[in-house]
């Protein structure tokens, strides 16, 4: 009775309440979007393409809500019907060691979730993204990606989960600490290994050819005493027409990666301005600060887990007949969602501050604020970004400030530094 009076209603409230809150926020966001093309984007958007961006927003939100509803109420059915217990019973019936049994239990749940997600991913890719001119993924690439993601997740997940289950089975009260250290060490290892062992499984990375762009990037990086291992172009156009750029690796292994779609659409000064922004993150140590916050949140999660992993009433709420470390680890994720949500609000706020700071770095060091503004506009138009998101949506889930907010801040910075940007904002 205690479990059903406390834990079960709490978990159901978290699941249903979370969906309702998300539903309200998404609806507010769609309603808040300006139906009229803003003067700031005249010359970048035409009326027809802007209407297309509004339609894209509505369709993505509508489909996302349907997908979230399916998985939310699917999980509720699993809980109320006792299907998690059935999976546990099957895993135990194979009579393996506890660690292997745990991996089987968690593996089955992952596969069930992943298989059910495939139709949604396929519809999003081949219907929605195709309709709005973004999709470049072929059915062959789509299927290959499914198997690659699945194999990688199983391999990496098995390593991490094996360590966690082992520590909680043998280390007593300090298991949460040892698990935290192990997971952190492995995540740091992945940061170094991903560029050479994981990312090339999905995309081709070729050194940026000699020319104006490479020379401009190299010259700017040299002026900022920013050492990079290489500048690469990624064949993102194999899957999507959307544009982006990023850094990968840490320390002397830093690499600049440009989507081929970005190189094709942007001017040299725009690309350098964007990369100056990214270099600003490194100069301000934002990457390490963000990593520290992520590590701290993982430690908090493991510490909280230690109080529930052997709680009989908590297991009873999910109709679990047996208590185990592996099922406790999985079931705890439901109870932890509100804490993680609150933590993400704080991390998103910090991230938005970092983005503003990196924009200022680009303005101050590259001294082409109009190029940064033009780049942001091109990215927004090419990706059909919502130009006027609801403030509540921004507060809760945006890791970057809205594009108009960034443009205003760049203009203010440029004006204070006397770089002479025109008030019209046109590049």
Protein backbone atom coordinates (compact mmCIF):
# COMPACT_ATOMS: atom_id res chain seq x y z
CA UNK A 1 0.00 0.00 0.00
CA UNK A 2 2.80 2.43 0.77
CA UNK A 3 4.27 2.09 -2.73
CA UNK A 4 0.95 2.72 -4.45
CA UNK A 5 0.16 5.62 -2.14
CA UNK A 6 3.42 7.42 -2.80
CA UNK A 7 5.75 6.22 -5.53
CA UNK A 8 3.28 5.08 -8.20
CA UNK A 9 1.22 8.30 -8.16
CA UNK A 10 4.45 10.30 -8.11
CA UNK A 11 5.82 8.53 -11.18
CA UNK A 12 2.50 8.82 -13.04
CA UNK A 13 2.30 12.50 -12.15
CA UNK A 14 5.83 13.04 -13.45
CA UNK A 15 5.05 11.30 -16.75
CA UNK A 16 1.62 12.80 -17.40
CA UNK A 17 2.48 16.19 -15.92
CA UNK A 18 5.66 16.37 -17.97
CA UNK A 19 3.74 15.68 -21.16
CA UNK A 20 1.07 18.28 -20.35
CA UNK A 21 3.66 20.95 -19.55
CA UNK A 22 5.52 20.18 -22.78
CA UNK A 23 2.23 20.26 -24.72
CA UNK A 24 1.35 23.70 -23.34
CA UNK A 25 4.81 25.12 -24.01
CA UNK A 26 4.90 23.85 -27.60
CA UNK A 27 1.43 25.23 -28.30
CA UNK A 28 2.42 28.59 -26.84
CA UNK A 29 5.54 28.58 -28.98
CA UNK A 30 3.61 27.98 -32.20
CA UNK A 31 1.00 30.60 -31.34
CA UNK A 32 3.69 33.15 -30.45
CA UNK A 33 5.51 32.81 -33.77
CA UNK A 34 5.10 35.98 -35.81
CA UNK A 35 2.98 35.43 -38.95
CA UNK A 36 4.54 38.54 -40.52
CA UNK A 37 8.08 38.57 -41.88
CA UNK A 38 10.23 40.75 -39.66
CA UNK A 39 11.96 43.72 -41.27
CA UNK A 40 15.28 42.41 -39.95
CA UNK A 41 15.06 39.44 -42.33
CA UNK A 42 13.89 41.25 -45.45
CA UNK A 43 16.25 40.33 -48.25
CA UNK A 44 17.00 36.96 -46.64
CA UNK A 45 13.47 35.55 -46.51
CA UNK A 46 10.83 36.10 -49.15
CA UNK A 47 7.16 35.91 -48.14
CA UNK A 48 6.68 32.41 -49.53
CA UNK A 49 9.70 30.91 -47.80
CA UNK A 50 8.74 32.57 -44.52
CA UNK A 51 5.28 30.97 -44.72
CA UNK A 52 7.09 27.71 -45.37
CA UNK A 53 9.11 28.16 -42.17
CA UNK A 54 5.89 28.71 -40.19
CA UNK A 55 4.37 25.58 -41.66
CA UNK A 56 7.56 23.63 -40.87
CA UNK A 57 7.41 24.74 -37.24
CA UNK A 58 3.77 23.70 -36.86
CA UNK A 59 4.26 20.34 -38.51
CA UNK A 60 7.35 19.50 -36.45
CA UNK A 61 5.60 20.44 -33.21
CA UNK A 62 2.45 18.52 -34.09
CA UNK A 63 4.40 15.38 -34.92
CA UNK A 64 6.63 15.74 -31.84
CA UNK A 65 3.57 15.91 -29.58
CA UNK A 66 2.12 12.79 -31.19
CA UNK A 67 5.43 10.95 -30.73
CA UNK A 68 5.76 12.07 -27.11
CA UNK A 69 2.19 11.03 -26.38
CA UNK A 70 2.84 7.55 -27.82
CA UNK A 71 5.94 6.94 -25.73
CA UNK A 72 4.58 8.59 -22.57
CA UNK A 73 1.44 6.51 -22.47
CA UNK A 74 3.31 3.46 -23.70
CA UNK A 75 5.56 3.69 -20.63
CA UNK A 76 2.49 4.11 -18.40
CA UNK A 77 0.99 0.93 -19.86
CA UNK A 78 4.28 -0.92 -19.25
CA UNK A 79 4.22 0.22 -15.61
CA UNK A 80 0.56 -0.52 -14.86
CA UNK A 81 0.54 -3.84 -16.71
CA UNK A 82 3.71 -5.02 -14.98
CA UNK A 83 5.56 -5.58 -18.24
CA UNK A 84 8.89 -4.41 -16.83
CA UNK A 85 8.55 -7.27 -14.35
CA UNK A 86 7.88 -9.69 -17.22
CA UNK A 87 11.08 -8.58 -18.94
CA UNK A 88 12.94 -9.03 -15.66
CA UNK A 89 11.46 -12.50 -15.27
CA UNK A 90 12.61 -13.47 -18.75
CA UNK A 91 16.14 -12.15 -18.11
CA UNK A 92 16.32 -14.11 -14.85
CA UNK A 93 15.02 -17.27 -16.50
CA UNK A 94 18.20 -17.45 -18.57
CA UNK A 95 20.07 -18.11 -15.30
CA UNK A 96 23.12 -15.97 -16.00
CA UNK A 97 25.34 -14.06 -13.59
CA UNK A 98 23.69 -10.95 -12.09
CA UNK A 99 25.73 -8.59 -14.25
CA UNK A 100 24.81 -10.45 -17.46
CA UNK A 101 21.17 -10.65 -16.37
CA UNK A 102 21.17 -6.89 -15.87
CA UNK A 103 22.62 -6.27 -19.31
CA UNK A 104 19.97 -8.53 -20.85
CA UNK A 105 17.17 -6.71 -18.97
CA UNK A 106 18.40 -3.25 -19.97
CA UNK A 107 19.25 -4.40 -23.50
CA UNK A 108 15.71 -5.69 -24.11
CA UNK A 109 14.20 -2.41 -22.90
CA UNK A 110 16.55 -0.42 -25.12
CA UNK A 111 15.74 -2.55 -28.17
CA UNK A 112 11.98 -2.28 -27.60
CA UNK A 113 12.22 1.50 -27.32
CA UNK A 114 14.55 1.81 -30.30
CA UNK A 115 12.45 -0.39 -32.57
CA UNK A 116 9.30 1.57 -31.75
CA UNK A 117 11.16 4.83 -32.46
CA UNK A 118 12.22 3.78 -35.98
CA UNK A 119 8.83 4.47 -37.66
CA UNK A 120 8.74 7.94 -36.10
CA UNK A 121 12.29 8.68 -37.23
CA UNK A 122 11.48 7.40 -40.73
CA UNK A 123 8.37 9.59 -40.99
CA UNK A 124 10.26 12.64 -39.75
CA UNK A 125 13.07 12.00 -42.25
CA UNK A 126 11.21 10.85 -45.38
CA UNK A 127 7.99 12.82 -44.99
CA UNK A 128 8.49 16.02 -42.97
CA UNK A 129 12.14 16.75 -43.81
CA UNK A 130 11.55 15.65 -47.41
CA UNK A 131 8.51 17.92 -47.74
CA UNK A 132 10.51 20.98 -46.72
CA UNK A 133 13.53 20.21 -48.86
CA UNK A 134 15.95 19.07 -46.16
CA UNK A 135 16.17 15.32 -46.56
CA UNK A 136 19.06 13.84 -48.54
CA UNK A 137 19.08 10.49 -46.73
CA UNK A 138 18.54 7.43 -48.91
CA UNK A 139 16.75 4.34 -47.56
CA UNK A 140 20.08 2.49 -47.71
CA UNK A 141 21.83 5.13 -45.58
CA UNK A 142 18.87 5.22 -43.19
CA UNK A 143 18.99 1.46 -42.58
CA UNK A 144 22.79 1.48 -42.27
CA UNK A 145 22.57 4.28 -39.69
CA UNK A 146 20.06 2.27 -37.67
CA UNK A 147 22.40 -0.70 -37.39
CA UNK A 148 25.45 1.47 -36.67
CA UNK A 149 23.63 3.38 -33.91
CA UNK A 150 22.31 0.17 -32.44
CA UNK A 151 25.67 -1.60 -32.39
CA UNK A 152 27.48 1.43 -30.96
CA UNK A 153 24.85 1.97 -28.29
CA UNK A 154 24.96 -1.67 -27.26
CA UNK A 155 28.79 -1.74 -27.13
CA UNK A 156 29.24 1.58 -25.31
CA UNK A 157 26.20 0.99 -23.11
CA UNK A 158 27.42 -2.47 -22.13
CA UNK A 159 30.78 -1.05 -20.99
CA UNK A 160 29.26 1.77 -18.94
CA UNK A 161 26.45 -0.30 -17.46
CA UNK A 162 28.78 -3.18 -16.60
CA UNK A 163 30.92 -0.81 -14.54
CA UNK A 164 27.90 0.72 -12.78
CA UNK A 165 26.29 -2.63 -11.99
CA UNK A 166 29.59 -4.08 -10.78
CA UNK A 167 30.30 -1.18 -8.42
CA UNK A 168 26.79 -1.21 -6.95
CA UNK A 169 26.98 -4.97 -6.45
CA UNK A 170 30.35 -5.01 -4.66
CA UNK A 171 31.18 -1.54 -3.31
CA UNK A 172 28.49 -0.84 -0.72
CA UNK A 173 27.78 2.75 0.33
CA UNK A 174 30.47 4.27 -1.91
CA UNK A 175 29.23 2.59 -5.08
CA UNK A 176 27.70 5.85 -6.34
CA UNK A 177 31.07 7.59 -6.08
CA UNK A 178 33.01 4.85 -7.87
CA UNK A 179 30.33 4.71 -10.60
CA UNK A 180 30.52 8.47 -11.03
CA UNK A 181 34.30 8.36 -11.41
CA UNK A 182 34.14 5.46 -13.87
CA UNK A 183 31.46 7.05 -16.05
CA UNK A 184 33.29 10.39 -16.07
CA UNK A 185 36.56 8.75 -17.09
CA UNK A 186 34.86 6.86 -19.89
CA UNK A 187 33.07 9.98 -21.17
CA UNK A 188 36.39 11.84 -21.29
CA UNK A 189 37.87 8.92 -23.20
CA UNK A 190 35.02 9.09 -25.72
CA UNK A 191 35.65 12.79 -26.32
CA UNK A 192 39.15 11.92 -27.55
CA UNK A 193 38.27 8.73 -29.41
CA UNK A 194 35.05 9.89 -31.13
CA UNK A 195 36.69 12.00 -33.88
CA UNK A 196 38.86 9.12 -35.08
CA UNK A 197 36.82 6.00 -34.28
CA UNK A 198 33.11 6.90 -34.12
CA UNK A 199 32.27 9.94 -36.23
CA UNK A 200 33.93 8.53 -39.42
CA UNK A 201 31.47 5.61 -39.25
CA UNK A 202 28.68 8.00 -40.23
CA UNK A 203 30.34 10.72 -42.29
CA UNK A 204 33.36 11.30 -44.49
CA UNK A 205 35.81 13.94 -43.29
CA UNK A 206 38.16 15.42 -45.86
CA UNK A 207 40.80 18.10 -45.24
CA UNK A 208 39.63 21.50 -46.41
CA UNK A 209 41.24 22.24 -49.73
CA UNK A 210 43.78 25.01 -50.08
CA UNK A 211 42.27 28.35 -50.98
CA UNK A 212 40.81 31.58 -49.69
CA UNK A 213 38.68 30.01 -46.96
CA UNK A 214 41.41 27.81 -45.47
CA UNK A 215 43.89 30.68 -45.57
CA UNK A 216 41.44 33.03 -43.83
CA UNK A 217 40.68 30.48 -41.09
CA UNK A 218 44.36 29.64 -40.59
CA UNK A 219 45.37 33.30 -40.43
CA UNK A 220 42.69 34.14 -37.87
CA UNK A 221 43.53 31.09 -35.73
CA UNK A 222 47.20 32.04 -35.81
CA UNK A 223 46.43 35.60 -34.71
CA UNK A 224 44.49 34.21 -31.75
CA UNK A 225 47.27 31.72 -30.93
CA UNK A 226 44.72 28.96 -31.39
CA UNK A 227 46.35 25.69 -32.39
CA UNK A 228 44.27 23.21 -34.36
CA UNK A 229 45.08 19.76 -35.64
CA UNK A 230 43.17 20.23 -38.87
CA UNK A 231 40.30 21.85 -40.76
CA UNK A 232 37.84 19.35 -42.25
CA UNK A 233 34.77 19.36 -44.43
CA UNK A 234 32.06 16.85 -43.57
CA UNK A 235 29.69 15.38 -46.15
CA UNK A 236 26.57 16.40 -44.21
CA UNK A 237 24.70 16.73 -47.50
CA UNK A 238 24.44 12.92 -47.58
CA UNK A 239 21.66 13.21 -45.02
CA UNK A 240 20.37 16.77 -44.87
CA UNK A 241 20.48 20.16 -46.57
CA UNK A 242 20.80 21.88 -43.17
CA UNK A 243 24.02 23.72 -42.31
CA UNK A 244 26.28 23.80 -39.27
CA UNK A 245 29.87 23.80 -38.06
CA UNK A 246 31.56 22.55 -34.91
CA UNK A 247 34.80 21.81 -33.10
CA UNK A 248 35.70 18.35 -31.93
CA UNK A 249 38.41 17.04 -29.66
CA UNK A 250 40.25 18.72 -26.80
CA UNK A 251 43.68 20.20 -26.22
CA UNK A 252 46.08 19.84 -29.12
CA UNK A 253 43.66 17.43 -30.83
CA UNK A 254 41.13 20.18 -31.64
CA UNK A 255 39.65 19.98 -35.13
CA UNK A 256 37.40 22.38 -37.04
CA UNK A 257 34.59 20.64 -38.92
CA UNK A 258 32.49 22.47 -41.52
CA UNK A 259 29.35 20.99 -43.07
CA UNK A 260 29.77 20.93 -46.84
CA UNK A 261 26.35 22.58 -47.04
CA UNK A 262 27.69 25.47 -44.96
CA UNK A 263 30.75 25.94 -47.15
CA UNK A 264 28.53 26.00 -50.23
CA UNK A 265 26.18 28.68 -48.88
CA UNK A 266 28.32 31.10 -46.86
CA UNK A 267 30.90 33.69 -47.76
CA UNK A 268 34.43 33.47 -46.39
CA UNK A 269 34.05 36.32 -43.88
CA UNK A 270 30.79 34.79 -42.58
CA UNK A 271 32.44 31.41 -42.02
CA UNK A 272 35.41 32.95 -40.24
CA UNK A 273 33.06 34.99 -38.03
CA UNK A 274 31.22 31.80 -37.04
CA UNK A 275 34.49 30.00 -36.31
CA UNK A 276 35.68 33.01 -34.29
CA UNK A 277 32.59 32.48 -32.16
CA UNK A 278 33.55 28.83 -31.65
CA UNK A 279 37.13 29.76 -30.80
CA UNK A 280 35.67 32.17 -28.25
CA UNK A 281 34.17 29.20 -26.45
CA UNK A 282 37.62 27.65 -26.14
CA UNK A 283 39.29 30.89 -25.11
CA UNK A 284 36.68 31.39 -22.37
CA UNK A 285 36.99 27.71 -21.36
CA UNK A 286 33.26 27.25 -21.93
CA UNK A 287 33.80 23.67 -23.10
CA UNK A 288 35.48 22.73 -19.83
CA UNK A 289 32.94 24.66 -17.76
CA UNK A 290 30.10 22.86 -19.51
CA UNK A 291 31.86 19.56 -19.04
CA UNK A 292 32.29 20.29 -15.33
CA UNK A 293 28.57 21.05 -14.99
CA UNK A 294 27.71 17.83 -16.81
CA UNK A 295 30.02 15.82 -14.55
CA UNK A 296 28.46 17.43 -11.47
CA UNK A 297 24.94 16.58 -12.65
CA UNK A 298 26.00 12.96 -13.22
CA UNK A 299 27.41 12.82 -9.68
CA UNK A 300 24.16 14.20 -8.27
CA UNK A 301 22.21 11.56 -10.16
CA UNK A 302 24.33 8.69 -8.84
CA UNK A 303 24.17 10.06 -5.30
CA UNK A 304 20.36 10.27 -5.44
CA UNK A 305 20.22 6.80 -6.98
CA UNK A 306 21.97 5.33 -3.94
CA UNK A 307 18.93 6.16 -1.80
CA UNK A 308 16.43 4.32 -4.02
CA UNK A 309 18.24 1.39 -5.55
CA UNK A 310 17.22 -1.03 -2.78
CA UNK A 311 13.89 0.57 -1.81
CA UNK A 312 11.23 -2.19 -1.75
CA UNK A 313 8.28 0.21 -1.94
CA UNK A 314 9.75 1.89 -4.99
CA UNK A 315 10.10 -1.47 -6.78
CA UNK A 316 6.57 -2.43 -5.79
CA UNK A 317 5.20 0.66 -7.52
CA UNK A 318 6.43 -0.83 -10.81
CA UNK A 319 5.07 -4.30 -9.87
CA UNK A 320 8.60 -5.69 -9.73
CA UNK A 321 8.78 -8.99 -7.85
CA UNK A 322 12.54 -8.88 -7.35
CA UNK A 323 14.89 -6.12 -6.23
CA UNK A 324 18.05 -5.70 -8.28
CA UNK A 325 20.64 -3.08 -9.01
CA UNK A 326 20.00 -3.09 -12.76
CA UNK A 327 16.23 -2.64 -12.52
CA UNK A 328 16.62 -0.05 -9.76
CA UNK A 329 19.01 1.92 -11.96
CA UNK A 330 16.51 1.92 -14.83
CA UNK A 331 13.37 2.64 -12.79
CA UNK A 332 15.06 5.49 -10.95
CA UNK A 333 15.32 7.45 -14.21
CA UNK A 334 11.55 8.04 -14.08
CA UNK A 335 11.68 9.52 -10.60
CA UNK A 336 14.71 11.65 -11.42
CA UNK A 337 13.16 13.40 -14.43
CA UNK A 338 11.95 16.54 -12.55
CA UNK A 339 15.38 17.02 -10.95
CA UNK A 340 17.06 16.59 -14.32
CA UNK A 341 14.58 19.04 -15.84
CA UNK A 342 15.36 21.69 -13.25
CA UNK A 343 19.07 21.10 -13.71
CA UNK A 344 18.72 21.51 -17.48
CA UNK A 345 17.01 24.90 -17.02
CA UNK A 346 20.10 26.07 -15.17
CA UNK A 347 22.53 24.58 -17.68
CA UNK A 348 20.58 26.10 -20.59
CA UNK A 349 20.76 29.51 -18.92
CA UNK A 350 24.52 29.13 -18.50
CA UNK A 351 24.83 27.96 -22.11
CA UNK A 352 22.98 31.05 -23.38
CA UNK A 353 25.39 33.23 -21.42
CA UNK A 354 28.29 31.37 -23.00
CA UNK A 355 26.85 31.94 -26.48
CA UNK A 356 26.52 35.67 -25.90
CA UNK A 357 30.08 35.79 -24.63
CA UNK A 358 31.35 33.89 -27.68
CA UNK A 359 29.49 36.30 -29.97
CA UNK A 360 31.25 39.20 -28.25
CA UNK A 361 34.58 37.44 -28.75
CA UNK A 362 33.88 37.14 -32.47
CA UNK A 363 33.04 40.85 -32.67
CA UNK A 364 36.05 41.95 -30.64
CA UNK A 365 38.68 39.80 -32.34
CA UNK A 366 37.54 39.32 -35.93
CA UNK A 367 36.06 42.83 -36.09
CA UNK A 368 33.44 41.94 -38.71
CA UNK A 369 30.15 42.10 -36.78
CA UNK A 370 28.17 42.47 -40.00
CA UNK A 371 29.56 39.12 -41.18
CA UNK A 372 28.47 37.40 -37.96
CA UNK A 373 24.98 38.88 -38.26
CA UNK A 374 24.74 37.83 -41.89
CA UNK A 375 25.91 34.31 -40.98
CA UNK A 376 23.27 33.99 -38.26
CA UNK A 377 20.60 35.12 -40.70
CA UNK A 378 21.70 32.65 -43.36
CA UNK A 379 21.75 29.79 -40.85
CA UNK A 380 18.27 30.73 -39.62
CA UNK A 381 16.84 30.90 -43.13
CA UNK A 382 18.59 27.76 -44.40
CA UNK A 383 17.36 25.75 -41.40
CA UNK A 384 13.89 27.40 -41.29
CA UNK A 385 14.48 28.40 -37.66
CA UNK A 386 11.66 29.92 -35.61
CA UNK A 387 12.62 33.59 -35.44
CA UNK A 388 10.25 34.51 -32.61
CA UNK A 389 10.10 31.67 -30.04
CA UNK A 390 7.99 32.09 -26.92
CA UNK A 391 10.03 33.44 -23.95
CA UNK A 392 8.94 30.49 -21.79
CA UNK A 393 10.18 28.03 -24.41
CA UNK A 394 13.49 29.88 -24.53
CA UNK A 395 13.80 29.92 -20.73
CA UNK A 396 13.09 26.21 -20.35
CA UNK A 397 14.86 24.60 -23.27
CA UNK A 398 16.94 26.92 -25.45
CA UNK A 399 20.69 26.40 -25.19
CA UNK A 400 21.25 29.36 -27.55
CA UNK A 401 19.61 32.79 -27.37
CA UNK A 402 17.03 33.45 -30.13
CA UNK A 403 18.60 34.80 -33.28
CA UNK A 404 17.06 38.27 -32.93
CA UNK A 405 18.40 38.57 -29.38
CA UNK A 406 21.88 37.64 -30.61
CA UNK A 407 21.73 40.14 -33.46
CA UNK A 408 20.70 42.96 -31.11
CA UNK A 409 23.53 42.09 -28.72
CA UNK A 410 26.08 41.97 -31.54
CA UNK A 411 24.95 45.38 -32.78
CA UNK A 412 25.19 46.81 -29.30
CA UNK A 413 28.70 45.39 -28.90
CA UNK A 414 29.75 46.61 -32.32
CA UNK A 415 28.38 50.07 -31.61
CA UNK A 416 30.21 50.33 -28.30
CA UNK A 417 33.43 49.22 -29.98
CA UNK A 418 32.97 51.61 -32.93
CA UNK A 419 33.11 49.04 -35.73
CA UNK A 420 30.69 51.09 -37.78
CA UNK A 421 27.94 48.54 -38.47
CA UNK A 422 24.96 49.97 -40.27
CA UNK A 423 21.76 50.41 -38.30
CA UNK A 424 19.72 48.58 -40.95
CA UNK A 425 21.56 45.40 -40.10
CA UNK A 426 21.88 44.27 -43.70
CA UNK A 427 25.21 42.67 -44.52
